[in-house]
């Protein structure tokens, strides 16, 4: 299986009908292409006996680096700082499953880090992106999920320089969205119950291959320097769609109030790796997607999981507070025993999905590897860290895991 088609351990399910309604011929790229993304745990996996640290001389890391990088310092460039700030923002963005627990199935790219107004075109018509640029969009993050053939929801938070810019952007982005006809149907104004500040529009949509009509709502609501955008598609009519928008706004407001954004005029000074975890992660070389080479909080990491509700429970139970996403994925747990629980949970979930067993990493007897079509997946504990690797060949997966193990356990 090509890794560009999957979230970690879970094939993305895309509703053709909902895709057409969302973008009206505008495609959304998947920034996870060819790279591993974290996934969903199995349930109720007990902790295992903690293995002693393996002598690094026994491990074959190939040509991958095995020395921890020096402190990564600050962004140095406002664009890089905006990306890092958006990675931090992810931990304060409400997932669709918080509006409806059924909304857990990955949808399209599933997550979107917005580092420019142009990147907003993954989620909205070009005119909306242009208005965001006009009003000085700083960055943003969005999360998308679905109940196949029933409901789709995207919740996004856009940051602007100040509250006045956000308020103006709300009006202008909604005006632009409402002006674009979808298959000849012009959206009409919509009211979100309990939220007069929200500017919204709605339209019906019936896909070619179906006789069922979908109701689509796109809403923009200002909140300080932020604009919350929800896009909801539902086969259950306007009231059901509006209720999801309302719930998302009501949960998102208090959540974002806990975020401390970097000053918009000092983005070059944003620290790249305050925890030091990213310096220990095997770096992803070349031109990485903006979601990569990053450290996410527990709340941010769940957006990248194939089952965010189950993953949040696992992370809470095992004390996972930070997840580094680079060439590998590194989960920092509270203790070695709890890291082993994460490994066992991930391994069980892969097995349950029918992956074929593959040779474990040489000299790491507690590692677990699987063949996933034409790709290979390995998971292992390294002290109090759980590590995931995904590679095109088994030797690459073994060497990446070996290198990452050394990076995490070296004195």
Protein backbone atom coordinates (compact mmCIF):
# COMPACT_ATOMS: atom_id res chain seq x y z
CA UNK A 1 0.00 0.00 0.00
CA UNK A 2 1.40 3.38 -0.97
CA UNK A 3 1.93 5.45 2.17
CA UNK A 4 0.57 8.55 0.43
CA UNK A 5 -2.88 6.92 0.59
CA UNK A 6 -2.99 6.34 4.33
CA UNK A 7 -2.99 7.85 7.72
CA UNK A 8 -0.85 5.65 9.91
CA UNK A 9 -2.49 2.22 10.07
CA UNK A 10 -5.79 3.40 8.60
CA UNK A 11 -6.86 3.88 4.99
CA UNK A 12 -8.49 7.24 4.36
CA UNK A 13 -12.13 6.97 3.33
CA UNK A 14 -13.25 9.77 1.03
CA UNK A 15 -16.86 10.40 0.13
CA UNK A 16 -17.01 11.41 -3.51
CA UNK A 17 -20.28 13.22 -2.97
CA UNK A 18 -18.97 15.23 -0.07
CA UNK A 19 -15.73 16.02 -1.86
CA UNK A 20 -17.57 17.56 -4.78
CA UNK A 21 -19.79 19.60 -2.51
CA UNK A 22 -16.84 20.91 -0.53
CA UNK A 23 -14.56 22.12 -3.24
CA UNK A 24 -16.62 22.51 -6.38
CA UNK A 25 -13.73 21.24 -8.52
CA UNK A 26 -11.01 22.51 -6.12
CA UNK A 27 -8.74 19.66 -5.02
CA UNK A 28 -7.13 19.36 -1.60
CA UNK A 29 -3.58 17.97 -1.57
CA UNK A 30 -2.47 15.55 1.13
CA UNK A 31 0.61 16.96 2.81
CA UNK A 32 1.34 13.57 4.37
CA UNK A 33 2.43 12.08 1.04
CA UNK A 34 5.13 9.43 1.37
CA UNK A 35 5.65 10.17 5.07
CA UNK A 36 4.41 8.38 8.19
CA UNK A 37 1.59 9.76 10.26
CA UNK A 38 0.64 8.61 13.72
CA UNK A 39 -2.37 6.39 14.08
CA UNK A 40 -4.93 4.79 16.29
CA UNK A 41 -4.27 2.50 19.22
CA UNK A 42 -5.86 -0.82 19.93
CA UNK A 43 -7.88 -0.97 23.13
CA UNK A 44 -6.98 -2.34 26.58
CA UNK A 45 -3.44 -3.42 25.82
CA UNK A 46 -1.56 -4.19 29.04
CA UNK A 47 1.91 -2.93 29.76
CA UNK A 48 4.72 -5.34 29.01
CA UNK A 49 8.02 -6.13 30.68
CA UNK A 50 10.45 -3.32 30.04
CA UNK A 51 13.48 -4.52 28.08
CA UNK A 52 16.97 -3.30 29.01
CA UNK A 53 18.57 -0.67 26.80
CA UNK A 54 20.30 -2.28 23.83
CA UNK A 55 23.97 -1.61 23.19
CA UNK A 56 24.06 0.74 20.16
CA UNK A 57 27.00 -1.20 18.74
CA UNK A 58 24.59 -4.05 18.05
CA UNK A 59 22.30 -1.90 15.90
CA UNK A 60 22.62 -1.20 12.19
CA UNK A 61 21.60 2.41 11.55
CA UNK A 62 22.96 2.50 8.03
CA UNK A 63 23.77 6.07 7.01
CA UNK A 64 21.08 7.67 9.17
CA UNK A 65 22.30 10.13 11.82
CA UNK A 66 22.77 8.83 15.36
CA UNK A 67 23.95 11.99 17.12
CA UNK A 68 21.43 14.27 18.78
CA UNK A 69 21.34 17.64 17.10
CA UNK A 70 22.36 20.76 19.03
CA UNK A 71 19.53 23.00 20.28
CA UNK A 72 17.49 24.15 17.29
CA UNK A 73 17.14 27.75 18.49
CA UNK A 74 14.58 30.11 17.02
CA UNK A 75 12.86 30.25 13.64
CA UNK A 76 15.05 33.02 12.27
CA UNK A 77 12.50 33.71 9.54
CA UNK A 78 8.91 34.97 10.00
CA UNK A 79 7.54 32.38 7.59
CA UNK A 80 9.16 29.55 9.53
CA UNK A 81 7.93 31.11 12.76
CA UNK A 82 4.37 31.25 11.41
CA UNK A 83 4.52 27.54 10.62
CA UNK A 84 5.85 26.65 14.07
CA UNK A 85 3.21 28.85 15.69
CA UNK A 86 0.51 27.08 13.67
CA UNK A 87 1.89 23.71 14.84
CA UNK A 88 1.44 24.98 18.41
CA UNK A 89 -2.03 26.28 17.52
CA UNK A 90 -3.09 22.75 16.54
CA UNK A 91 -3.34 21.83 20.21
CA UNK A 92 -6.09 24.42 20.68
CA UNK A 93 -8.21 23.60 17.64
CA UNK A 94 -11.39 21.62 18.24
CA UNK A 95 -11.68 18.35 16.33
CA UNK A 96 -15.00 17.51 14.61
CA UNK A 97 -15.40 14.52 16.96
CA UNK A 98 -15.89 17.03 19.78
CA UNK A 99 -19.05 18.24 18.07
CA UNK A 100 -20.21 14.70 17.32
CA UNK A 101 -18.36 11.59 18.52
CA UNK A 102 -19.29 9.78 15.32
CA UNK A 103 -17.10 12.15 13.28
CA UNK A 104 -13.84 10.20 13.45
CA UNK A 105 -13.33 8.81 9.95
CA UNK A 106 -10.51 10.63 8.11
CA UNK A 107 -11.72 12.98 5.39
CA UNK A 108 -9.61 14.18 2.46
CA UNK A 109 -6.24 15.39 3.83
CA UNK A 110 -7.76 15.20 7.34
CA UNK A 111 -5.57 18.00 8.73
CA UNK A 112 -4.40 21.30 7.28
CA UNK A 113 -1.66 23.58 8.52
CA UNK A 114 -2.24 26.99 6.97
CA UNK A 115 0.97 28.96 6.61
CA UNK A 116 -0.27 31.39 3.97
CA UNK A 117 -3.50 32.70 2.49
CA UNK A 118 -2.85 30.56 -0.57
CA UNK A 119 -2.92 27.39 1.51
CA UNK A 120 -6.46 28.29 2.58
CA UNK A 121 -7.61 27.34 -0.93
CA UNK A 122 -7.40 23.73 0.25
CA UNK A 123 -10.51 24.49 2.33
CA UNK A 124 -12.40 27.27 0.61
CA UNK A 125 -12.92 29.08 -2.71
CA UNK A 126 -10.16 31.30 -4.03
CA UNK A 127 -12.11 34.44 -3.17
CA UNK A 128 -12.12 33.48 0.52
CA UNK A 129 -8.35 33.03 0.42
CA UNK A 130 -7.94 36.40 -1.26
CA UNK A 131 -9.97 38.10 1.46
CA UNK A 132 -7.89 36.37 4.13
CA UNK A 133 -4.75 37.70 2.50
CA UNK A 134 -6.21 41.21 2.28
CA UNK A 135 -6.84 41.21 6.00
CA UNK A 136 -3.39 39.86 6.91
CA UNK A 137 -3.89 36.17 7.70
CA UNK A 138 -1.05 35.08 9.99
CA UNK A 139 -1.62 31.32 10.03
CA UNK A 140 -4.19 28.70 10.93
CA UNK A 141 -5.02 25.05 11.45
CA UNK A 142 -7.98 22.92 10.38
CA UNK A 143 -9.26 19.43 11.18
CA UNK A 144 -11.60 17.39 8.95
CA UNK A 145 -13.60 14.21 9.63
CA UNK A 146 -16.69 12.46 8.34
CA UNK A 147 -19.34 9.84 8.89
CA UNK A 148 -19.24 8.23 5.47
CA UNK A 149 -22.25 9.08 3.27
CA UNK A 150 -23.88 11.03 6.11
CA UNK A 151 -21.92 13.94 7.55
CA UNK A 152 -18.73 15.88 6.85
CA UNK A 153 -17.25 18.54 9.12
CA UNK A 154 -14.22 20.79 8.90
CA UNK A 155 -13.35 23.03 11.82
CA UNK A 156 -10.70 25.68 11.23
CA UNK A 157 -9.12 28.50 13.20
CA UNK A 158 -7.58 31.38 11.26
CA UNK A 159 -5.39 33.93 13.03
CA UNK A 160 -5.24 37.59 12.02
CA UNK A 161 -3.12 40.50 13.32
CA UNK A 162 -5.82 41.80 15.65
CA UNK A 163 -9.53 41.64 16.50
CA UNK A 164 -10.46 44.40 14.05
CA UNK A 165 -8.82 42.54 11.16
CA UNK A 166 -10.56 39.31 12.19
CA UNK A 167 -13.96 41.01 12.34
CA UNK A 168 -13.55 42.54 8.90
CA UNK A 169 -12.22 39.28 7.48
CA UNK A 170 -15.28 37.44 8.80
CA UNK A 171 -17.66 39.64 6.84
CA UNK A 172 -15.61 39.68 3.65
CA UNK A 173 -14.80 35.98 3.59
CA UNK A 174 -18.45 35.09 4.07
CA UNK A 175 -19.51 37.52 1.34
CA UNK A 176 -17.01 35.97 -1.04
CA UNK A 177 -18.06 32.40 -0.20
CA UNK A 178 -21.74 33.22 -0.60
CA UNK A 179 -21.14 34.78 -4.00
CA UNK A 180 -19.85 31.55 -5.56
CA UNK A 181 -22.56 29.44 -7.14
CA UNK A 182 -22.25 25.69 -6.66
CA UNK A 183 -23.54 23.80 -9.71
CA UNK A 184 -25.69 26.77 -10.55
CA UNK A 185 -27.04 27.19 -7.00
CA UNK A 186 -26.18 30.45 -5.24
CA UNK A 187 -25.79 30.07 -1.46
CA UNK A 188 -28.29 31.90 0.72
CA UNK A 189 -27.73 33.55 4.14
CA UNK A 190 -27.91 31.24 7.14
CA UNK A 191 -28.41 31.88 10.84
CA UNK A 192 -26.50 29.82 13.38
CA UNK A 193 -28.69 29.48 16.50
CA UNK A 194 -27.22 31.25 19.51
CA UNK A 195 -24.44 32.89 17.52
CA UNK A 196 -25.46 36.17 15.90
CA UNK A 197 -21.78 36.98 15.40
CA UNK A 198 -21.47 34.14 12.88
CA UNK A 199 -21.73 35.05 9.20
CA UNK A 200 -22.89 31.99 7.30
CA UNK A 201 -24.39 30.73 4.06
CA UNK A 202 -26.05 27.50 2.99
CA UNK A 203 -26.97 25.64 -0.17
CA UNK A 204 -28.34 22.22 -1.16
CA UNK A 205 -26.26 19.73 -3.06
CA UNK A 206 -27.18 16.44 -4.71
CA UNK A 207 -24.27 14.41 -6.06
CA UNK A 208 -24.55 12.81 -9.48
CA UNK A 209 -24.37 9.27 -8.15
CA UNK A 210 -26.99 9.76 -5.45
CA UNK A 211 -30.61 10.80 -5.05
CA UNK A 212 -30.03 12.07 -1.52
CA UNK A 213 -29.74 15.81 -1.04
CA UNK A 214 -27.03 17.20 1.21
CA UNK A 215 -27.28 20.48 3.10
CA UNK A 216 -24.06 22.49 3.18
CA UNK A 217 -23.29 25.29 5.66
CA UNK A 218 -20.15 27.43 5.69
CA UNK A 219 -19.83 29.68 8.73
CA UNK A 220 -17.33 32.33 9.81
CA UNK A 221 -17.30 33.67 13.38
CA UNK A 222 -14.85 36.21 14.85
CA UNK A 223 -13.30 35.63 18.26
CA UNK A 224 -10.65 38.16 19.21
CA UNK A 225 -7.86 37.97 16.61
CA UNK A 226 -9.24 34.65 15.32
CA UNK A 227 -11.90 33.61 12.85
CA UNK A 228 -13.54 30.22 13.32
CA UNK A 229 -14.66 28.58 10.09
CA UNK A 230 -16.89 25.53 9.96
CA UNK A 231 -17.90 23.70 6.85
CA UNK A 232 -20.60 21.11 7.50
CA UNK A 233 -22.33 18.83 5.00
CA UNK A 234 -25.24 16.71 6.18
CA UNK A 235 -27.89 14.45 4.70
CA UNK A 236 -30.06 15.22 7.75
CA UNK A 237 -30.96 18.76 6.74
CA UNK A 238 -30.20 22.31 7.82
CA UNK A 239 -31.02 21.99 11.52
CA UNK A 240 -28.64 19.06 12.01
CA UNK A 241 -25.85 20.87 10.16
CA UNK A 242 -26.42 24.12 12.07
CA UNK A 243 -26.35 22.26 15.38
CA UNK A 244 -22.86 20.96 14.58
CA UNK A 245 -21.65 24.45 13.69
CA UNK A 246 -23.11 25.80 16.93
CA UNK A 247 -21.45 23.12 19.04
CA UNK A 248 -18.07 23.69 17.38
CA UNK A 249 -18.19 27.45 17.99
CA UNK A 250 -19.17 26.96 21.63
CA UNK A 251 -16.33 24.54 22.33
CA UNK A 252 -13.77 26.39 20.21
CA UNK A 253 -14.11 29.74 21.99
CA UNK A 254 -12.92 28.68 25.45
CA UNK A 255 -10.31 26.36 23.90
CA UNK A 256 -8.58 29.06 21.88
CA UNK A 257 -8.57 31.41 24.86
CA UNK A 258 -5.94 29.11 26.39
CA UNK A 259 -3.54 29.58 23.48
CA UNK A 260 -0.63 32.01 23.80
CA UNK A 261 0.26 32.93 20.20
CA UNK A 262 3.63 34.31 19.24
CA UNK A 263 3.52 38.07 18.61
CA UNK A 264 2.71 38.64 14.96
CA UNK A 265 5.62 41.08 14.65
CA UNK A 266 8.13 38.67 16.23
CA UNK A 267 7.53 35.39 14.41
CA UNK A 268 11.22 35.06 13.61
CA UNK A 269 11.84 34.67 17.34
CA UNK A 270 9.55 31.65 17.84
CA UNK A 271 11.47 28.77 19.51
CA UNK A 272 11.60 25.74 17.24
CA UNK A 273 12.04 23.06 19.90
CA UNK A 274 11.52 24.25 23.47
CA UNK A 275 11.19 20.69 24.81
CA UNK A 276 14.29 19.39 23.01
CA UNK A 277 12.34 16.39 21.68
CA UNK A 278 12.63 17.38 18.02
CA UNK A 279 16.42 17.47 18.25
CA UNK A 280 16.24 13.78 19.27
CA UNK A 281 13.94 12.80 16.40
CA UNK A 282 15.30 11.45 13.14
CA UNK A 283 14.96 14.51 10.89
CA UNK A 284 13.00 14.48 7.68
CA UNK A 285 15.37 15.80 5.02
CA UNK A 286 14.52 17.96 2.06
CA UNK A 287 11.39 20.01 1.57
CA UNK A 288 9.14 18.60 4.29
CA UNK A 289 5.41 19.25 4.61
CA UNK A 290 4.65 22.01 7.13
CA UNK A 291 3.14 19.51 9.56
CA UNK A 292 6.45 17.63 9.71
CA UNK A 293 9.68 18.25 11.65
CA UNK A 294 7.48 19.41 14.49
CA UNK A 295 6.53 18.63 18.08
CA UNK A 296 2.84 18.57 18.98
CA UNK A 297 1.13 18.63 22.33
CA UNK A 298 -1.24 15.80 23.20
CA UNK A 299 -4.14 17.94 21.97
CA UNK A 300 -2.38 18.72 18.71
CA UNK A 301 -1.25 15.15 18.08
CA UNK A 302 -4.77 13.71 18.12
CA UNK A 303 -5.60 15.54 14.87
CA UNK A 304 -3.16 13.18 13.13
CA UNK A 305 -4.63 10.00 14.56
CA UNK A 306 -6.95 7.74 12.61
CA UNK A 307 -9.15 7.43 15.71
CA UNK A 308 -8.62 10.59 17.76
CA UNK A 309 -10.98 9.60 20.57
CA UNK A 310 -9.24 6.28 21.25
CA UNK A 311 -5.84 7.91 20.85
CA UNK A 312 -6.66 10.66 23.34
CA UNK A 313 -7.59 7.99 25.88
CA UNK A 314 -4.37 6.05 25.23
CA UNK A 315 -2.23 9.19 25.46
CA UNK A 316 -3.90 10.22 28.71
CA UNK A 317 -3.53 6.77 30.23
CA UNK A 318 0.15 6.51 29.27
CA UNK A 319 1.12 10.09 30.08
CA UNK A 320 2.03 11.01 26.49
CA UNK A 321 2.49 14.77 26.54
CA UNK A 322 4.42 15.40 23.32
CA UNK A 323 4.73 13.79 19.91
CA UNK A 324 7.54 14.58 17.47
CA UNK A 325 6.65 14.06 13.81
CA UNK A 326 9.67 13.92 11.52
CA UNK A 327 11.05 11.00 9.49
CA UNK A 328 9.81 8.91 12.42
CA UNK A 329 7.10 9.58 14.98
CA UNK A 330 8.25 9.74 18.60
CA UNK A 331 5.74 9.60 21.48
CA UNK A 332 7.09 10.77 24.84
CA UNK A 333 5.35 8.75 27.58
CA UNK A 334 5.55 9.06 31.35
CA UNK A 335 7.68 5.95 31.85
CA UNK A 336 9.31 3.08 29.91
CA UNK A 337 6.51 0.73 30.94
CA UNK A 338 3.86 3.11 29.61
CA UNK A 339 5.82 3.60 26.38
CA UNK A 340 5.70 -0.19 25.98
CA UNK A 341 1.93 0.02 26.39
CA UNK A 342 1.75 2.47 23.48
CA UNK A 343 3.87 0.12 21.36
CA UNK A 344 1.70 -2.87 22.20
CA UNK A 345 -1.45 -0.90 21.45
CA UNK A 346 -0.21 0.26 18.06
CA UNK A 347 1.06 -3.20 17.16
CA UNK A 348 -2.26 -4.80 18.07
CA UNK A 349 -4.16 -2.32 15.93
CA UNK A 350 -1.96 -3.00 12.89
CA UNK A 351 -2.45 -6.74 13.30
CA UNK A 352 -6.21 -6.30 13.58
CA UNK A 353 -6.20 -4.51 10.24
CA UNK A 354 -4.69 -7.53 8.56
CA UNK A 355 -1.08 -6.44 8.13
CA UNK A 356 1.28 -9.33 7.47
CA UNK A 357 4.01 -9.90 10.09
CA UNK A 358 7.54 -8.99 9.02
CA UNK A 359 10.96 -9.55 10.57
CA UNK A 360 11.55 -7.47 13.69
CA UNK A 361 14.42 -5.01 13.87
CA UNK A 362 17.69 -6.93 14.37
CA UNK A 363 18.91 -6.69 17.98
CA UNK A 364 15.59 -5.13 19.05
CA UNK A 365 13.61 -8.26 19.97
CA UNK A 366 10.67 -6.26 21.35
CA UNK A 367 10.14 -4.39 18.09
CA UNK A 368 7.18 -5.24 15.87
CA UNK A 369 7.20 -4.89 12.09
CA UNK A 370 4.51 -5.47 9.48
CA UNK A 371 4.17 -5.48 5.72
CA UNK A 372 1.53 -3.07 4.46
CA UNK A 373 1.26 -3.71 0.75
CA UNK A 374 4.44 -2.25 -0.68
CA UNK A 375 5.37 -0.40 2.54
CA UNK A 376 6.65 -1.53 5.92
CA UNK A 377 5.73 -0.39 9.39
CA UNK A 378 7.73 -0.88 12.59
CA UNK A 379 7.05 0.15 16.18
CA UNK A 380 9.29 -0.17 19.23
CA UNK A 381 9.97 1.34 22.62
CA UNK A 382 13.17 3.24 23.37
CA UNK A 383 13.19 3.97 27.08
CA UNK A 384 10.15 6.12 27.79
CA UNK A 385 9.56 6.80 24.12
CA UNK A 386 7.41 4.87 21.65
CA UNK A 387 8.62 5.07 18.06
CA UNK A 388 6.82 4.50 14.75
CA UNK A 389 8.60 4.07 11.43
CA UNK A 390 7.16 3.72 7.96
CA UNK A 391 9.39 3.03 4.97
CA UNK A 392 9.25 1.67 1.45
CA UNK A 393 11.54 -1.28 2.25
CA UNK A 394 12.03 -3.40 5.35
CA UNK A 395 15.80 -2.70 5.55
CA UNK A 396 15.05 1.04 5.50
CA UNK A 397 12.49 0.63 8.26
CA UNK A 398 14.96 -1.38 10.33
CA UNK A 399 17.76 1.15 9.90
CA UNK A 400 15.50 4.12 10.65
CA UNK A 401 14.29 2.44 13.83
CA UNK A 402 17.84 1.57 14.84
CA UNK A 403 19.00 5.14 14.32
CA UNK A 404 16.03 6.56 16.20
CA UNK A 405 16.57 4.13 19.07
CA UNK A 406 20.19 5.25 19.40
CA UNK A 407 19.18 8.92 19.31
CA UNK A 408 16.71 8.41 22.15
CA UNK A 409 18.76 6.16 24.41
CA UNK A 410 22.31 7.45 23.98
CA UNK A 411 23.74 8.81 27.26
